[in-house]
């Protein structure tokens, strides 16, 4: 596959899970990748594990820090000359009912997911506009942002906010040839799914028409589609990758 041949992509939260799967798929499609992660050592290790030579590097980045996000983009341009694709994927979960959730845990999840996505979109768009060649921003929402999950008022609110951010940014940046879209994964085989109790997994699996959980690679292939010219007339849209759950 050469859908992304020669393109330069940044993936935040790329040292593991969906971010790592996206980085791997982008490399297979011909891109060079920059893995941004709050754990700089993990970012470097992930880049090395990809075994792509000088086509993959790791950079420490706290997505809630404006300076860090700006530095991530600047490092990408210094190393590769430009930025073509930005994937705002970094995220965490701090689940609890509203009665038990602390304000710091609410704020942390909002900051990492929503503020981090806004900072990444803004920094990437600024660089893409300066290049004058357009570009692609892919924001990671969640099916939780569509339907809401009990025990996830922070996470669901943040993921719903990312959808609104994506639509607004798509309207603002279309004139510059910058497309902004979002992904809404459902239950995907990542550490977050592994942390669920068996009875919860069974209950949620029963709601999926395709009868199985998704794989990280299936999310990554949709990211490749959005990053490529195959989606050249798509902007401001959110694509569900949930096996039909919550239709």
Protein backbone atom coordinates (compact mmCIF):
# COMPACT_ATOMS: atom_id res chain seq x y z
CA UNK A 1 0.00 0.00 0.00
CA UNK A 2 1.21 3.49 -0.84
CA UNK A 3 -1.86 5.54 0.05
CA UNK A 4 0.28 7.77 2.26
CA UNK A 5 3.53 7.59 0.34
CA UNK A 6 5.91 10.34 1.42
CA UNK A 7 3.54 11.96 3.92
CA UNK A 8 4.51 13.03 7.41
CA UNK A 9 2.17 12.17 10.28
CA UNK A 10 2.12 12.91 14.00
CA UNK A 11 0.22 10.62 16.36
CA UNK A 12 -0.23 11.70 19.98
CA UNK A 13 -0.57 8.98 22.56
CA UNK A 14 1.15 6.80 20.00
CA UNK A 15 3.30 4.66 22.26
CA UNK A 16 0.58 2.04 22.78
CA UNK A 17 -2.97 0.98 21.97
CA UNK A 18 -4.84 2.62 19.12
CA UNK A 19 -2.16 5.24 18.62
CA UNK A 20 0.53 2.64 18.07
CA UNK A 21 -1.71 0.67 15.71
CA UNK A 22 -2.32 3.84 13.69
CA UNK A 23 1.40 4.61 13.54
CA UNK A 24 2.07 1.07 12.31
CA UNK A 25 -0.65 1.30 9.65
CA UNK A 26 0.56 4.70 8.47
CA UNK A 27 4.09 3.36 8.04
CA UNK A 28 2.77 0.41 6.05
CA UNK A 29 0.92 2.87 3.81
CA UNK A 30 4.14 4.77 3.07
CA UNK A 31 4.14 7.59 5.63
CA UNK A 32 6.83 8.65 8.08
CA UNK A 33 5.57 9.02 11.65
CA UNK A 34 6.28 10.99 14.78
CA UNK A 35 5.02 9.37 17.97
CA UNK A 36 4.18 11.89 20.66
CA UNK A 37 3.61 10.56 24.16
CA UNK A 38 3.73 11.96 27.67
CA UNK A 39 6.19 9.15 28.43
CA UNK A 40 9.17 10.14 26.32
CA UNK A 41 10.99 6.86 26.88
CA UNK A 42 7.91 4.92 25.78
CA UNK A 43 7.65 7.09 22.67
CA UNK A 44 11.27 6.36 21.76
CA UNK A 45 10.80 2.65 22.46
CA UNK A 46 7.65 2.52 20.32
CA UNK A 47 9.44 4.22 17.42
CA UNK A 48 12.26 1.71 17.70
CA UNK A 49 9.82 -1.20 17.91
CA UNK A 50 8.23 -0.09 14.63
CA UNK A 51 11.60 -0.93 13.03
CA UNK A 52 11.24 1.72 10.33
CA UNK A 53 14.65 3.32 10.60
CA UNK A 54 14.61 7.07 10.18
CA UNK A 55 10.92 7.04 9.16
CA UNK A 56 9.77 6.84 12.79
CA UNK A 57 10.79 8.96 15.75
CA UNK A 58 9.47 9.42 19.28
CA UNK A 59 9.00 12.74 21.07
CA UNK A 60 7.95 13.46 24.65
CA UNK A 61 4.76 15.54 24.68
CA UNK A 62 2.17 16.47 27.28
CA UNK A 63 -0.85 17.33 25.13
CA UNK A 64 -2.25 19.62 27.82
CA UNK A 65 0.81 21.86 27.46
CA UNK A 66 0.67 24.44 24.68
CA UNK A 67 4.47 24.64 24.66
CA UNK A 68 4.83 20.85 24.38
CA UNK A 69 2.35 20.57 21.53
CA UNK A 70 3.96 23.43 19.64
CA UNK A 71 7.35 21.78 20.20
CA UNK A 72 6.03 18.47 18.89
CA UNK A 73 4.97 20.10 15.63
CA UNK A 74 8.21 22.10 15.40
CA UNK A 75 10.30 18.96 15.95
CA UNK A 76 8.38 17.20 13.20
CA UNK A 77 9.06 20.02 10.75
CA UNK A 78 12.73 20.20 11.75
CA UNK A 79 13.14 16.45 11.21
CA UNK A 80 10.96 15.87 8.15
CA UNK A 81 10.44 19.32 6.61
CA UNK A 82 6.65 19.53 6.95
CA UNK A 83 3.51 18.11 8.56
CA UNK A 84 0.75 16.46 6.50
CA UNK A 85 -1.37 14.52 9.00
CA UNK A 86 -2.10 15.14 12.68
CA UNK A 87 -3.81 12.44 14.75
CA UNK A 88 -5.02 13.70 18.12
CA UNK A 89 -5.31 10.39 19.92
CA UNK A 90 -3.87 10.88 23.43
CA UNK A 91 -6.31 10.07 26.20
CA UNK A 92 -6.94 8.47 29.57
CA UNK A 93 -9.90 7.23 31.60
CA UNK A 94 -10.76 8.08 35.20
CA UNK A 95 -14.11 6.35 35.58
CA UNK A 96 -16.47 6.85 38.52
CA UNK A 97 -20.05 7.82 39.11
CA UNK A 98 -20.64 11.57 39.47
CA UNK A 99 -21.20 11.09 43.18
CA UNK A 100 -17.74 9.54 43.59
CA UNK A 101 -15.80 11.35 40.85
CA UNK A 102 -13.37 13.98 42.08
CA UNK A 103 -13.09 17.37 40.42
CA UNK A 104 -9.40 16.77 39.61
CA UNK A 105 -10.29 13.54 37.77
CA UNK A 106 -13.03 15.33 35.84
CA UNK A 107 -10.70 18.16 34.88
CA UNK A 108 -7.81 15.85 33.96
CA UNK A 109 -9.89 13.84 31.48
CA UNK A 110 -11.37 16.98 29.93
CA UNK A 111 -7.93 18.57 29.67
CA UNK A 112 -6.19 15.61 28.04
CA UNK A 113 -8.94 14.70 25.61
CA UNK A 114 -10.62 17.99 24.73
CA UNK A 115 -7.99 20.64 25.45
CA UNK A 116 -5.30 18.34 24.05
CA UNK A 117 -7.25 17.83 20.84
CA UNK A 118 -7.85 21.58 20.51
CA UNK A 119 -4.16 22.37 21.03
CA UNK A 120 -3.12 19.68 18.55
CA UNK A 121 -5.62 20.81 15.93
CA UNK A 122 -4.60 24.43 16.30
CA UNK A 123 -0.86 23.77 16.13
CA UNK A 124 -1.15 21.43 13.17
CA UNK A 125 -3.48 23.75 11.26
CA UNK A 126 -1.09 26.68 11.79
CA UNK A 127 1.77 24.69 10.28
CA UNK A 128 -0.33 23.34 7.43
CA UNK A 129 -1.57 26.82 6.53
CA UNK A 130 2.01 28.11 6.54
CA UNK A 131 3.00 25.31 4.16
CA UNK A 132 0.13 26.16 1.84
CA UNK A 133 -0.34 22.54 0.87
CA UNK A 134 -3.40 21.60 2.92
CA UNK A 135 -3.42 18.69 5.30
CA UNK A 136 -5.46 16.32 7.43
CA UNK A 137 -6.41 16.35 11.11
CA UNK A 138 -7.94 13.22 12.65
CA UNK A 139 -9.46 13.52 16.12
CA UNK A 140 -10.17 10.53 18.32
CA UNK A 141 -13.66 10.63 19.79
CA UNK A 142 -15.49 7.55 21.10
CA UNK A 143 -18.89 5.92 20.90
CA UNK A 144 -19.17 7.16 24.51
CA UNK A 145 -19.33 10.65 23.06
CA UNK A 146 -22.44 9.65 21.11
CA UNK A 147 -24.46 7.77 23.70
CA UNK A 148 -22.83 8.54 27.06
CA UNK A 149 -21.76 5.85 29.51
CA UNK A 150 -22.67 5.65 33.16
CA UNK A 151 -19.56 6.20 35.23
CA UNK A 152 -17.96 8.24 32.44
CA UNK A 153 -19.45 11.73 32.68
CA UNK A 154 -15.95 13.16 32.23
CA UNK A 155 -14.93 10.87 29.35
CA UNK A 156 -18.29 11.04 27.55
CA UNK A 157 -18.38 14.84 27.81
CA UNK A 158 -14.85 15.15 26.46
CA UNK A 159 -15.49 12.76 23.57
CA UNK A 160 -18.73 14.53 22.65
CA UNK A 161 -16.89 17.84 22.74
CA UNK A 162 -14.34 16.49 20.27
CA UNK A 163 -17.15 15.92 17.76
CA UNK A 164 -18.25 19.55 18.04
CA UNK A 165 -14.67 20.76 17.84
CA UNK A 166 -14.12 18.68 14.71
CA UNK A 167 -17.18 20.15 12.98
CA UNK A 168 -16.24 23.73 13.86
CA UNK A 169 -12.60 23.27 12.83
CA UNK A 170 -13.67 21.66 9.57
CA UNK A 171 -15.69 24.78 8.76
CA UNK A 172 -12.85 27.11 9.72
CA UNK A 173 -10.08 25.32 7.84
CA UNK A 174 -11.71 24.05 4.67
CA UNK A 175 -10.69 27.13 2.70
CA UNK A 176 -7.03 26.20 3.28
CA UNK A 177 -7.50 22.64 2.06
CA UNK A 178 -7.26 21.25 5.58
CA UNK A 179 -9.71 18.45 6.32
CA UNK A 180 -10.72 17.73 9.93
CA UNK A 181 -12.55 14.50 10.76
CA UNK A 182 -13.11 12.28 13.78
CA UNK A 183 -13.22 8.59 14.65
CA UNK A 184 -15.63 7.09 17.16
CA UNK A 185 -14.37 3.63 18.12
CA UNK A 186 -16.61 1.32 20.09
CA UNK A 187 -15.36 -1.64 22.07
CA UNK A 188 -11.87 -2.30 20.73
CA UNK A 189 -9.40 -4.84 22.08
CA UNK A 190 -7.14 -2.49 24.02
CA UNK A 191 -6.11 -2.23 27.66
CA UNK A 192 -9.28 -0.25 28.39
CA UNK A 193 -11.39 -3.22 27.28
CA UNK A 194 -9.19 -5.63 29.24
CA UNK A 195 -9.93 -3.68 32.42
CA UNK A 196 -13.68 -4.36 32.18
CA UNK A 197 -15.20 -7.11 34.29
CA UNK A 198 -16.14 -10.27 32.39
CA UNK A 199 -19.85 -9.78 33.00
CA UNK A 200 -19.68 -6.24 31.64
CA UNK A 201 -17.86 -7.46 28.53
CA UNK A 202 -20.49 -10.13 27.96
CA UNK A 203 -23.33 -7.62 28.34
CA UNK A 204 -21.80 -5.17 25.91
CA UNK A 205 -20.83 -7.85 23.42
CA UNK A 206 -24.51 -8.86 23.24
CA UNK A 207 -25.30 -5.36 21.91
CA UNK A 208 -22.91 -5.61 18.95
CA UNK A 209 -24.59 -6.81 15.73
CA UNK A 210 -21.30 -8.08 14.30
CA UNK A 211 -20.94 -10.28 17.38
CA UNK A 212 -17.34 -9.45 18.30
CA UNK A 213 -15.09 -6.75 19.65
CA UNK A 214 -13.06 -4.67 17.24
CA UNK A 215 -9.33 -4.86 16.70
CA UNK A 216 -6.96 -1.85 16.89
CA UNK A 217 -5.94 -2.52 13.30
CA UNK A 218 -9.53 -2.00 12.16
CA UNK A 219 -9.54 1.47 13.66
CA UNK A 220 -6.12 2.14 12.14
CA UNK A 221 -7.28 1.29 8.62
CA UNK A 222 -10.09 3.84 8.85
CA UNK A 223 -7.49 6.38 9.99
CA UNK A 224 -5.46 5.54 6.88
CA UNK A 225 -8.55 6.16 4.77
CA UNK A 226 -9.15 9.57 6.38
CA UNK A 227 -5.48 10.51 6.03
CA UNK A 228 -5.41 9.59 2.35
CA UNK A 229 -6.80 11.15 -0.80
CA UNK A 230 -9.51 8.49 -0.82
CA UNK A 231 -11.40 10.76 1.59
CA UNK A 232 -10.55 13.99 -0.22
CA UNK A 233 -14.13 15.32 -0.09
CA UNK A 234 -14.77 14.52 3.57
CA UNK A 235 -14.45 17.08 6.33
CA UNK A 236 -16.24 17.66 9.62
CA UNK A 237 -17.53 14.09 9.73
CA UNK A 238 -17.39 11.49 12.49
CA UNK A 239 -17.04 7.82 11.55
CA UNK A 240 -18.25 5.16 13.99
CA UNK A 241 -16.16 2.00 14.23
CA UNK A 242 -18.29 0.01 16.62
CA UNK A 243 -19.58 -3.10 14.86
CA UNK A 244 -23.06 -1.63 14.73
CA UNK A 245 -23.38 -1.04 18.47
CA UNK A 246 -25.61 1.91 19.45
CA UNK A 247 -27.11 2.35 15.99
